[in-house]
Full PDB file with SEQRES, HELIX, SHEET, SSBOND, CRYST1, ORIGX, SCALE, CONECT and MASTER records, all heavy atoms in Angstrom:
SEQRES   1 A   36  LEU THR THR LEU SER GLY THR ARG LEU PRO LYS TRP ILE          
SEQRES   2 A   36  THR GLU ALA THR GLU ALA ASN LEU PRO GLY ILE SER SER          
SEQRES   3 A   36  PHE VAL VAL GLY LEU HIS SER ASP PHE ASP                      
HELIX    1 AA1 GLY A    6  ARG A    8  5                                   3    
HELIX    2 AA2 LEU A    9  ALA A   19  1                                  11    
HELIX    3 AA3 PRO A   22  SER A   33  1                                  12    
CRYST1    1.000    1.000    1.000  90.00  90.00  90.00 P 1           1          
ORIGX1      1.000000  0.000000  0.000000        0.00000                         
ORIGX2      0.000000  1.000000  0.000000        0.00000                         
ORIGX3      0.000000  0.000000  1.000000        0.00000                         
SCALE1      1.000000  0.000000  0.000000        0.00000                         
SCALE2      0.000000  1.000000  0.000000        0.00000                         
SCALE3      0.000000  0.000000  1.000000        0.00000                         
ATOM      1  N   LEU A   1      -2.028   4.041 -10.107  1.00  0.00           N  
ATOM      2  CA  LEU A   1      -3.426   4.156 -10.518  1.00  0.00           C  
ATOM      3  C   LEU A   1      -3.557   4.525 -11.993  1.00  0.00           C  
ATOM      4  O   LEU A   1      -4.376   3.962 -12.711  1.00  0.00           O  
ATOM      5  CB  LEU A   1      -4.143   5.223  -9.683  1.00  0.00           C  
ATOM      6  CG  LEU A   1      -4.550   4.836  -8.283  1.00  0.00           C  
ATOM      7  CD1 LEU A   1      -4.970   6.071  -7.502  1.00  0.00           C  
ATOM      8  CD2 LEU A   1      -5.675   3.827  -8.314  1.00  0.00           C  
ATOM      9  N   THR A   2      -2.764   5.479 -12.425  1.00  0.00           N  
ATOM     10  CA  THR A   2      -2.920   5.974 -13.790  1.00  0.00           C  
ATOM     11  C   THR A   2      -2.281   5.078 -14.834  1.00  0.00           C  
ATOM     12  O   THR A   2      -2.688   5.109 -15.991  1.00  0.00           O  
ATOM     13  CB  THR A   2      -2.353   7.399 -13.931  1.00  0.00           C  
ATOM     14  OG1 THR A   2      -0.983   7.399 -13.536  1.00  0.00           O  
ATOM     15  CG2 THR A   2      -3.136   8.376 -13.079  1.00  0.00           C  
ATOM     16  N   THR A   3      -1.295   4.274 -14.436  1.00  0.00           N  
ATOM     17  CA  THR A   3      -0.630   3.396 -15.407  1.00  0.00           C  
ATOM     18  C   THR A   3      -1.059   1.945 -15.261  1.00  0.00           C  
ATOM     19  O   THR A   3      -0.560   1.079 -15.980  1.00  0.00           O  
ATOM     20  CB  THR A   3       0.903   3.481 -15.264  1.00  0.00           C  
ATOM     21  OG1 THR A   3       1.281   3.065 -13.948  1.00  0.00           O  
ATOM     22  CG2 THR A   3       1.406   4.889 -15.543  1.00  0.00           C  
ATOM     23  N   LEU A   4      -1.985   1.683 -14.333  1.00  0.00           N  
ATOM     24  CA  LEU A   4      -2.461   0.325 -14.061  1.00  0.00           C  
ATOM     25  C   LEU A   4      -1.301  -0.639 -13.819  1.00  0.00           C  
ATOM     26  O   LEU A   4      -1.225  -1.716 -14.392  1.00  0.00           O  
ATOM     27  CB  LEU A   4      -3.350  -0.183 -15.206  1.00  0.00           C  
ATOM     28  CG  LEU A   4      -4.671   0.550 -15.399  1.00  0.00           C  
ATOM     29  CD1 LEU A   4      -5.427  -0.015 -16.592  1.00  0.00           C  
ATOM     30  CD2 LEU A   4      -5.529   0.468 -14.147  1.00  0.00           C  
ATOM     31  N   SER A   5      -0.384  -0.234 -12.950  1.00  0.00           N  
ATOM     32  CA  SER A   5       0.765  -1.088 -12.627  1.00  0.00           C  
ATOM     33  C   SER A   5       0.634  -1.647 -11.213  1.00  0.00           C  
ATOM     34  O   SER A   5       1.431  -1.364 -10.327  1.00  0.00           O  
ATOM     35  CB  SER A   5       2.073  -0.329 -12.808  1.00  0.00           C  
ATOM     36  OG  SER A   5       1.952   1.041 -12.606  1.00  0.00           O  
ATOM     37  N   GLY A   6      -0.400  -2.456 -11.022  1.00  0.00           N  
ATOM     38  CA  GLY A   6      -0.675  -3.056  -9.728  1.00  0.00           C  
ATOM     39  C   GLY A   6       0.353  -4.072  -9.282  1.00  0.00           C  
ATOM     40  O   GLY A   6       0.396  -4.421  -8.107  1.00  0.00           O  
ATOM     41  N   THR A   7       1.195  -4.518 -10.188  1.00  0.00           N  
ATOM     42  CA  THR A   7       2.249  -5.453  -9.799  1.00  0.00           C  
ATOM     43  C   THR A   7       3.250  -4.795  -8.858  1.00  0.00           C  
ATOM     44  O   THR A   7       3.967  -5.488  -8.139  1.00  0.00           O  
ATOM     45  CB  THR A   7       2.989  -6.002 -11.034  1.00  0.00           C  
ATOM     46  OG1 THR A   7       3.491  -4.898 -11.800  1.00  0.00           O  
ATOM     47  CG2 THR A   7       2.068  -6.841 -11.900  1.00  0.00           C  
ATOM     48  N   ARG A   8       3.269  -3.467  -8.843  1.00  0.00           N  
ATOM     49  CA  ARG A   8       4.168  -2.726  -7.945  1.00  0.00           C  
ATOM     50  C   ARG A   8       3.565  -2.534  -6.560  1.00  0.00           C  
ATOM     51  O   ARG A   8       4.217  -2.002  -5.665  1.00  0.00           O  
ATOM     52  CB  ARG A   8       4.500  -1.363  -8.549  1.00  0.00           C  
ATOM     53  CG  ARG A   8       5.315  -1.472  -9.814  1.00  0.00           C  
ATOM     54  CD  ARG A   8       5.616  -0.164 -10.490  1.00  0.00           C  
ATOM     55  NE  ARG A   8       5.615   0.983  -9.598  1.00  0.00           N  
ATOM     56  CZ  ARG A   8       5.234   2.207  -9.968  1.00  0.00           C  
ATOM     57  NH1 ARG A   8       4.833   2.433 -11.186  1.00  0.00           N  
ATOM     58  NH2 ARG A   8       5.271   3.201  -9.107  1.00  0.00           N  
ATOM     59  N   LEU A   9       2.335  -2.958  -6.362  1.00  0.00           N  
ATOM     60  CA  LEU A   9       1.647  -2.736  -5.094  1.00  0.00           C  
ATOM     61  C   LEU A   9       2.364  -3.339  -3.887  1.00  0.00           C  
ATOM     62  O   LEU A   9       2.508  -2.650  -2.871  1.00  0.00           O  
ATOM     63  CB  LEU A   9       0.199  -3.237  -5.164  1.00  0.00           C  
ATOM     64  CG  LEU A   9      -0.666  -2.955  -3.936  1.00  0.00           C  
ATOM     65  CD1 LEU A   9      -0.785  -1.458  -3.689  1.00  0.00           C  
ATOM     66  CD2 LEU A   9      -2.037  -3.577  -4.114  1.00  0.00           C  
ATOM     67  N   PRO A  10       2.840  -4.588  -3.928  1.00  0.00           N  
ATOM     68  CA  PRO A  10       3.527  -5.127  -2.741  1.00  0.00           C  
ATOM     69  C   PRO A  10       4.734  -4.282  -2.320  1.00  0.00           C  
ATOM     70  O   PRO A  10       4.931  -4.037  -1.122  1.00  0.00           O  
ATOM     71  CB  PRO A  10       3.958  -6.529  -3.168  1.00  0.00           C  
ATOM     72  CG  PRO A  10       2.983  -6.903  -4.236  1.00  0.00           C  
ATOM     73  CD  PRO A  10       2.682  -5.612  -4.961  1.00  0.00           C  
ATOM     74  N   LYS A  11       5.511  -3.819  -3.287  1.00  0.00           N  
ATOM     75  CA  LYS A  11       6.665  -2.977  -2.963  1.00  0.00           C  
ATOM     76  C   LYS A  11       6.196  -1.655  -2.356  1.00  0.00           C  
ATOM     77  O   LYS A  11       6.774  -1.173  -1.375  1.00  0.00           O  
ATOM     78  CB  LYS A  11       7.499  -2.711  -4.218  1.00  0.00           C  
ATOM     79  CG  LYS A  11       8.717  -1.868  -3.951  1.00  0.00           C  
ATOM     80  CD  LYS A  11       9.494  -1.606  -5.224  1.00  0.00           C  
ATOM     81  CE  LYS A  11      10.663  -0.690  -4.883  1.00  0.00           C  
ATOM     82  NZ  LYS A  11      11.168   0.041  -5.990  1.00  0.00           N  
ATOM     83  N   TRP A  12       5.130  -1.073  -2.916  1.00  0.00           N  
ATOM     84  CA  TRP A  12       4.596   0.185  -2.387  1.00  0.00           C  
ATOM     85  C   TRP A  12       4.108  -0.011  -0.958  1.00  0.00           C  
ATOM     86  O   TRP A  12       4.353   0.835  -0.096  1.00  0.00           O  
ATOM     87  CB  TRP A  12       3.466   0.703  -3.277  1.00  0.00           C  
ATOM     88  CG  TRP A  12       2.993   2.057  -2.860  1.00  0.00           C  
ATOM     89  CD1 TRP A  12       3.472   3.262  -3.289  1.00  0.00           C  
ATOM     90  CD2 TRP A  12       1.979   2.362  -1.890  1.00  0.00           C  
ATOM     91  NE1 TRP A  12       2.814   4.289  -2.657  1.00  0.00           N  
ATOM     92  CE2 TRP A  12       1.892   3.771  -1.784  1.00  0.00           C  
ATOM     93  CE3 TRP A  12       1.147   1.589  -1.102  1.00  0.00           C  
ATOM     94  CZ2 TRP A  12       1.006   4.406  -0.931  1.00  0.00           C  
ATOM     95  CZ3 TRP A  12       0.253   2.225  -0.241  1.00  0.00           C  
ATOM     96  CH2 TRP A  12       0.193   3.618  -0.166  1.00  0.00           C  
ATOM     97  N   ILE A  13       3.427  -1.110  -0.695  1.00  0.00           N  
ATOM     98  CA  ILE A  13       2.929  -1.393   0.655  1.00  0.00           C  
ATOM     99  C   ILE A  13       4.095  -1.498   1.640  1.00  0.00           C  
ATOM    100  O   ILE A  13       4.037  -0.967   2.748  1.00  0.00           O  
ATOM    101  CB  ILE A  13       2.056  -2.665   0.672  1.00  0.00           C  
ATOM    102  CG1 ILE A  13       0.708  -2.372   0.004  1.00  0.00           C  
ATOM    103  CG2 ILE A  13       1.862  -3.184   2.087  1.00  0.00           C  
ATOM    104  CD1 ILE A  13      -0.192  -3.579  -0.143  1.00  0.00           C  
ATOM    105  N   THR A  14       5.167  -2.169   1.232  1.00  0.00           N  
ATOM    106  CA  THR A  14       6.353  -2.288   2.089  1.00  0.00           C  
ATOM    107  C   THR A  14       6.934  -0.920   2.393  1.00  0.00           C  
ATOM    108  O   THR A  14       7.240  -0.595   3.551  1.00  0.00           O  
ATOM    109  CB  THR A  14       7.415  -3.183   1.413  1.00  0.00           C  
ATOM    110  OG1 THR A  14       6.849  -4.468   1.180  1.00  0.00           O  
ATOM    111  CG2 THR A  14       8.654  -3.308   2.273  1.00  0.00           C  
ATOM    112  N   GLU A  15       7.079  -0.085   1.369  1.00  0.00           N  
ATOM    113  CA  GLU A  15       7.616   1.261   1.563  1.00  0.00           C  
ATOM    114  C   GLU A  15       6.705   2.094   2.469  1.00  0.00           C  
ATOM    115  O   GLU A  15       7.184   2.819   3.341  1.00  0.00           O  
ATOM    116  CB  GLU A  15       7.796   1.963   0.221  1.00  0.00           C  
ATOM    117  CG  GLU A  15       8.886   1.368  -0.638  1.00  0.00           C  
ATOM    118  CD  GLU A  15       8.901   1.925  -2.061  1.00  0.00           C  
ATOM    119  OE1 GLU A  15       8.039   2.759  -2.399  1.00  0.00           O  
ATOM    120  OE2 GLU A  15       9.777   1.509  -2.829  1.00  0.00           O  
ATOM    121  N   ALA A  16       5.411   1.978   2.271  1.00  0.00           N  
ATOM    122  CA  ALA A  16       4.450   2.737   3.075  1.00  0.00           C  
ATOM    123  C   ALA A  16       4.477   2.276   4.532  1.00  0.00           C  
ATOM    124  O   ALA A  16       4.404   3.097   5.451  1.00  0.00           O  
ATOM    125  CB  ALA A  16       3.048   2.591   2.497  1.00  0.00           C  
ATOM    126  N   THR A  17       4.608   0.988   4.744  1.00  0.00           N  
ATOM    127  CA  THR A  17       4.680   0.458   6.105  1.00  0.00           C  
ATOM    128  C   THR A  17       5.953   0.938   6.800  1.00  0.00           C  
ATOM    129  O   THR A  17       5.929   1.344   7.964  1.00  0.00           O  
ATOM    130  CB  THR A  17       4.624  -1.081   6.085  1.00  0.00           C  
ATOM    131  OG1 THR A  17       3.420  -1.488   5.433  1.00  0.00           O  
ATOM    132  CG2 THR A  17       4.666  -1.656   7.480  1.00  0.00           C  
ATOM    133  N   GLU A  18       7.064   0.902   6.080  1.00  0.00           N  
ATOM    134  CA  GLU A  18       8.346   1.331   6.649  1.00  0.00           C  
ATOM    135  C   GLU A  18       8.368   2.833   6.948  1.00  0.00           C  
ATOM    136  O   GLU A  18       9.072   3.270   7.854  1.00  0.00           O  
ATOM    137  CB  GLU A  18       9.491   0.964   5.712  1.00  0.00           C  
ATOM    138  CG  GLU A  18       9.754  -0.530   5.657  1.00  0.00           C  
ATOM    139  CD  GLU A  18      10.746  -0.931   4.576  1.00  0.00           C  
ATOM    140  OE1 GLU A  18      11.204  -0.050   3.809  1.00  0.00           O  
ATOM    141  OE2 GLU A  18      11.057  -2.129   4.498  1.00  0.00           O  
ATOM    142  N   ALA A  19       7.592   3.608   6.207  1.00  0.00           N  
ATOM    143  CA  ALA A  19       7.535   5.055   6.445  1.00  0.00           C  
ATOM    144  C   ALA A  19       6.897   5.371   7.790  1.00  0.00           C  
ATOM    145  O   ALA A  19       7.175   6.402   8.394  1.00  0.00           O  
ATOM    146  CB  ALA A  19       6.787   5.753   5.324  1.00  0.00           C  
ATOM    147  N   ASN A  20       6.018   4.481   8.255  1.00  0.00           N  
ATOM    148  CA  ASN A  20       5.380   4.621   9.564  1.00  0.00           C  
ATOM    149  C   ASN A  20       4.674   5.968   9.735  1.00  0.00           C  
ATOM    150  O   ASN A  20       4.811   6.639  10.754  1.00  0.00           O  
ATOM    151  CB  ASN A  20       6.409   4.394  10.677  1.00  0.00           C  
ATOM    152  CG  ASN A  20       5.741   4.055  11.995  1.00  0.00           C  
ATOM    153  OD1 ASN A  20       4.660   3.501  12.014  1.00  0.00           O  
ATOM    154  ND2 ASN A  20       6.390   4.394  13.085  1.00  0.00           N  
ATOM    155  N   LEU A  21       3.913   6.352   8.727  1.00  0.00           N  
ATOM    156  CA  LEU A  21       3.122   7.576   8.775  1.00  0.00           C  
ATOM    157  C   LEU A  21       1.682   7.197   9.126  1.00  0.00           C  
ATOM    158  O   LEU A  21       1.094   6.340   8.466  1.00  0.00           O  
ATOM    159  CB  LEU A  21       3.178   8.300   7.431  1.00  0.00           C  
ATOM    160  CG  LEU A  21       4.573   8.729   6.983  1.00  0.00           C  
ATOM    161  CD1 LEU A  21       4.551   9.190   5.542  1.00  0.00           C  
ATOM    162  CD2 LEU A  21       5.106   9.814   7.895  1.00  0.00           C  
ATOM    163  N   PRO A  22       1.093   7.804  10.158  1.00  0.00           N  
ATOM    164  CA  PRO A  22      -0.212   7.363  10.662  1.00  0.00           C  
ATOM    165  C   PRO A  22      -1.313   7.217   9.605  1.00  0.00           C  
ATOM    166  O   PRO A  22      -1.942   6.176   9.515  1.00  0.00           O  
ATOM    167  CB  PRO A  22      -0.585   8.435  11.691  1.00  0.00           C  
ATOM    168  CG  PRO A  22       0.713   9.010  12.117  1.00  0.00           C  
ATOM    169  CD  PRO A  22       1.614   8.934  10.919  1.00  0.00           C  
ATOM    170  N   GLY A  23      -1.567   8.215   8.809  1.00  0.00           N  
ATOM    171  CA  GLY A  23      -2.641   8.138   7.822  1.00  0.00           C  
ATOM    172  C   GLY A  23      -2.383   7.093   6.755  1.00  0.00           C  
ATOM    173  O   GLY A  23      -3.283   6.356   6.349  1.00  0.00           O  
ATOM    174  N   ILE A  24      -1.149   7.029   6.326  1.00  0.00           N  
ATOM    175  CA  ILE A  24      -0.801   6.066   5.279  1.00  0.00           C  
ATOM    176  C   ILE A  24      -0.785   4.648   5.849  1.00  0.00           C  
ATOM    177  O   ILE A  24      -1.217   3.698   5.189  1.00  0.00           O  
ATOM    178  CB  ILE A  24       0.523   6.454   4.606  1.00  0.00           C  
ATOM    179  CG1 ILE A  24       0.305   7.756   3.826  1.00  0.00           C  
ATOM    180  CG2 ILE A  24       1.034   5.340   3.702  1.00  0.00           C  
ATOM    181  CD1 ILE A  24       1.515   8.327   3.148  1.00  0.00           C  
ATOM    182  N   SER A  25      -0.344   4.487   7.086  1.00  0.00           N  
ATOM    183  CA  SER A  25      -0.329   3.163   7.716  1.00  0.00           C  
ATOM    184  C   SER A  25      -1.734   2.589   7.828  1.00  0.00           C  
ATOM    185  O   SER A  25      -1.943   1.398   7.565  1.00  0.00           O  
ATOM    186  CB  SER A  25       0.316   3.235   9.101  1.00  0.00           C  
ATOM    187  OG  SER A  25       1.663   3.574   8.998  1.00  0.00           O  
ATOM    188  N   SER A  26      -2.706   3.415   8.202  1.00  0.00           N  
ATOM    189  CA  SER A  26      -4.081   2.915   8.303  1.00  0.00           C  
ATOM    190  C   SER A  26      -4.635   2.583   6.912  1.00  0.00           C  
ATOM    191  O   SER A  26      -5.408   1.641   6.752  1.00  0.00           O  
ATOM    192  CB  SER A  26      -4.978   3.910   9.027  1.00  0.00           C  
ATOM    193  OG  SER A  26      -5.061   5.120   8.321  1.00  0.00           O  
ATOM    194  N   PHE A  27      -4.230   3.340   5.898  1.00  0.00           N  
ATOM    195  CA  PHE A  27      -4.631   3.047   4.522  1.00  0.00           C  
ATOM    196  C   PHE A  27      -4.076   1.692   4.085  1.00  0.00           C  
ATOM    197  O   PHE A  27      -4.770   0.899   3.445  1.00  0.00           O  
ATOM    198  CB  PHE A  27      -4.136   4.164   3.602  1.00  0.00           C  
ATOM    199  CG  PHE A  27      -4.445   3.965   2.149  1.00  0.00           C  
ATOM    200  CD1 PHE A  27      -5.749   4.008   1.689  1.00  0.00           C  
ATOM    201  CD2 PHE A  27      -3.431   3.735   1.236  1.00  0.00           C  
ATOM    202  CE1 PHE A  27      -6.043   3.834   0.341  1.00  0.00           C  
ATOM    203  CE2 PHE A  27      -3.710   3.561  -0.114  1.00  0.00           C  
ATOM    204  CZ  PHE A  27      -5.022   3.607  -0.553  1.00  0.00           C  
ATOM    205  N   VAL A  28      -2.834   1.407   4.458  1.00  0.00           N  
ATOM    206  CA  VAL A  28      -2.192   0.136   4.109  1.00  0.00           C  
ATOM    207  C   VAL A  28      -2.926  -1.041   4.747  1.00  0.00           C  
ATOM    208  O   VAL A  28      -3.076  -2.091   4.121  1.00  0.00           O  
ATOM    209  CB  VAL A  28      -0.702   0.150   4.517  1.00  0.00           C  
ATOM    210  CG1 VAL A  28      -0.084  -1.231   4.452  1.00  0.00           C  
ATOM    211  CG2 VAL A  28       0.069   1.108   3.627  1.00  0.00           C  
ATOM    212  N   VAL A  29      -3.417  -0.869   5.972  1.00  0.00           N  
ATOM    213  CA  VAL A  29      -4.178  -1.928   6.629  1.00  0.00           C  
ATOM    214  C   VAL A  29      -5.405  -2.277   5.783  1.00  0.00           C  
ATOM    215  O   VAL A  29      -5.716  -3.452   5.572  1.00  0.00           O  
ATOM    216  CB  VAL A  29      -4.594  -1.508   8.061  1.00  0.00           C  
ATOM    217  CG1 VAL A  29      -5.601  -2.482   8.660  1.00  0.00           C  
ATOM    218  CG2 VAL A  29      -3.368  -1.399   8.947  1.00  0.00           C  
ATOM    219  N   GLY A  30      -6.082  -1.260   5.267  1.00  0.00           N  
ATOM    220  CA  GLY A  30      -7.226  -1.503   4.391  1.00  0.00           C  
ATOM    221  C   GLY A  30      -6.840  -2.199   3.099  1.00  0.00           C  
ATOM    222  O   GLY A  30      -7.569  -3.059   2.607  1.00  0.00           O  
ATOM    223  N   LEU A  31      -5.679  -1.842   2.550  1.00  0.00           N  
ATOM    224  CA  LEU A  31      -5.205  -2.503   1.330  1.00  0.00           C  
ATOM    225  C   LEU A  31      -4.953  -3.986   1.580  1.00  0.00           C  
ATOM    226  O   LEU A  31      -5.270  -4.828   0.742  1.00  0.00           O  
ATOM    227  CB  LEU A  31      -3.923  -1.847   0.812  1.00  0.00           C  
ATOM    228  CG  LEU A  31      -4.037  -0.449   0.236  1.00  0.00           C  
ATOM    229  CD1 LEU A  31      -2.664   0.050  -0.196  1.00  0.00           C  
ATOM    230  CD2 LEU A  31      -4.998  -0.420  -0.935  1.00  0.00           C  
ATOM    231  N   HIS A  32      -4.380  -4.296   2.740  1.00  0.00           N  
ATOM    232  CA  HIS A  32      -4.108  -5.699   3.078  1.00  0.00           C  
ATOM    233  C   HIS A  32      -5.400  -6.500   3.151  1.00  0.00           C  
ATOM    234  O   HIS A  32      -5.437  -7.654   2.709  1.00  0.00           O  
ATOM    235  CB  HIS A  32      -3.372  -5.810   4.414  1.00  0.00           C  
ATOM    236  CG  HIS A  32      -1.897  -5.678   4.298  1.00  0.00           C  
ATOM    237  ND1 HIS A  32      -1.118  -6.575   3.611  1.00  0.00           N  
ATOM    238  CD2 HIS A  32      -1.049  -4.750   4.786  1.00  0.00           C  
ATOM    239  CE1 HIS A  32       0.142  -6.209   3.684  1.00  0.00           C  
ATOM    240  NE2 HIS A  32       0.217  -5.090   4.383  1.00  0.00           N  
ATOM    241  N   SER A  33      -6.443  -5.905   3.694  1.00  0.00           N  
ATOM    242  CA  SER A  33      -7.691  -6.652   3.866  1.00  0.00           C  
ATOM    243  C   SER A  33      -8.363  -6.974   2.535  1.00  0.00           C  
ATOM    244  O   SER A  33      -9.112  -7.945   2.444  1.00  0.00           O  
ATOM    245  CB  SER A  33      -8.648  -5.905   4.787  1.00  0.00           C  
ATOM    246  OG  SER A  33      -9.075  -4.706   4.183  1.00  0.00           O  
ATOM    247  N   ASP A  34      -8.112  -6.175   1.512  1.00  0.00           N  
ATOM    248  CA  ASP A  34      -8.696  -6.416   0.188  1.00  0.00           C  
ATOM    249  C   ASP A  34      -7.613  -6.492  -0.889  1.00  0.00           C  
ATOM    250  O   ASP A  34      -7.799  -6.026  -2.009  1.00  0.00           O  
ATOM    251  CB  ASP A  34      -9.674  -5.295  -0.173  1.00  0.00           C  
ATOM    252  CG  ASP A  34     -10.961  -5.368   0.609  1.00  0.00           C  
ATOM    253  OD1 ASP A  34     -11.386  -6.488   0.929  1.00  0.00           O  
ATOM    254  OD2 ASP A  34     -11.545  -4.305   0.881  1.00  0.00           O  
ATOM    255  N   PHE A  35      -6.496  -7.104  -0.565  1.00  0.00           N  
ATOM    256  CA  PHE A  35      -5.331  -7.085  -1.444  1.00  0.00           C  
ATOM    257  C   PHE A  35      -5.635  -7.582  -2.865  1.00  0.00           C  
ATOM    258  O   PHE A  35      -5.266  -6.940  -3.846  1.00  0.00           O  
ATOM    259  CB  PHE A  35      -4.180  -7.899  -0.837  1.00  0.00           C  
ATOM    260  CG  PHE A  35      -2.926  -7.839  -1.648  1.00  0.00           C  
ATOM    261  CD1 PHE A  35      -2.107  -6.730  -1.582  1.00  0.00           C  
ATOM    262  CD2 PHE A  35      -2.580  -8.882  -2.494  1.00  0.00           C  
ATOM    263  CE1 PHE A  35      -0.952  -6.646  -2.343  1.00  0.00           C  
ATOM    264  CE2 PHE A  35      -1.434  -8.815  -3.262  1.00  0.00           C  
ATOM    265  CZ  PHE A  35      -0.616  -7.702  -3.177  1.00  0.00           C  
ATOM    266  N   ASP A  36      -6.310  -8.715  -2.983  1.00  0.00           N  
ATOM    267  CA  ASP A  36      -6.591  -9.271  -4.311  1.00  0.00           C  
ATOM    268  C   ASP A  36      -7.473  -8.347  -5.145  1.00  0.00           C  
ATOM    269  O   ASP A  36      -7.243  -8.165  -6.344  1.00  0.00           O  
ATOM    270  CB  ASP A  36      -7.257 -10.648  -4.199  1.00  0.00           C  
ATOM    271  CG  ASP A  36      -6.313 -11.703  -3.632  1.00  0.00           C  
ATOM    272  OD1 ASP A  36      -5.079 -11.520  -3.757  1.00  0.00           O  
ATOM    273  OD2 ASP A  36      -6.798 -12.691  -3.062  1.00  0.00           O  
TER     274      ASP A  36                                                      
MASTER        0    0    0    3    0    0    0    6  273    1    0    3          
END                                                                             
């Protein structure tokens, strides 16, 4: 967010999904719906 490095978002989403943490997993679902 602070460095405007959105190109790292797909990797972050993968890491967040693999972590399988409930709150973060639901956040990732929202990111997928508005990815662009």
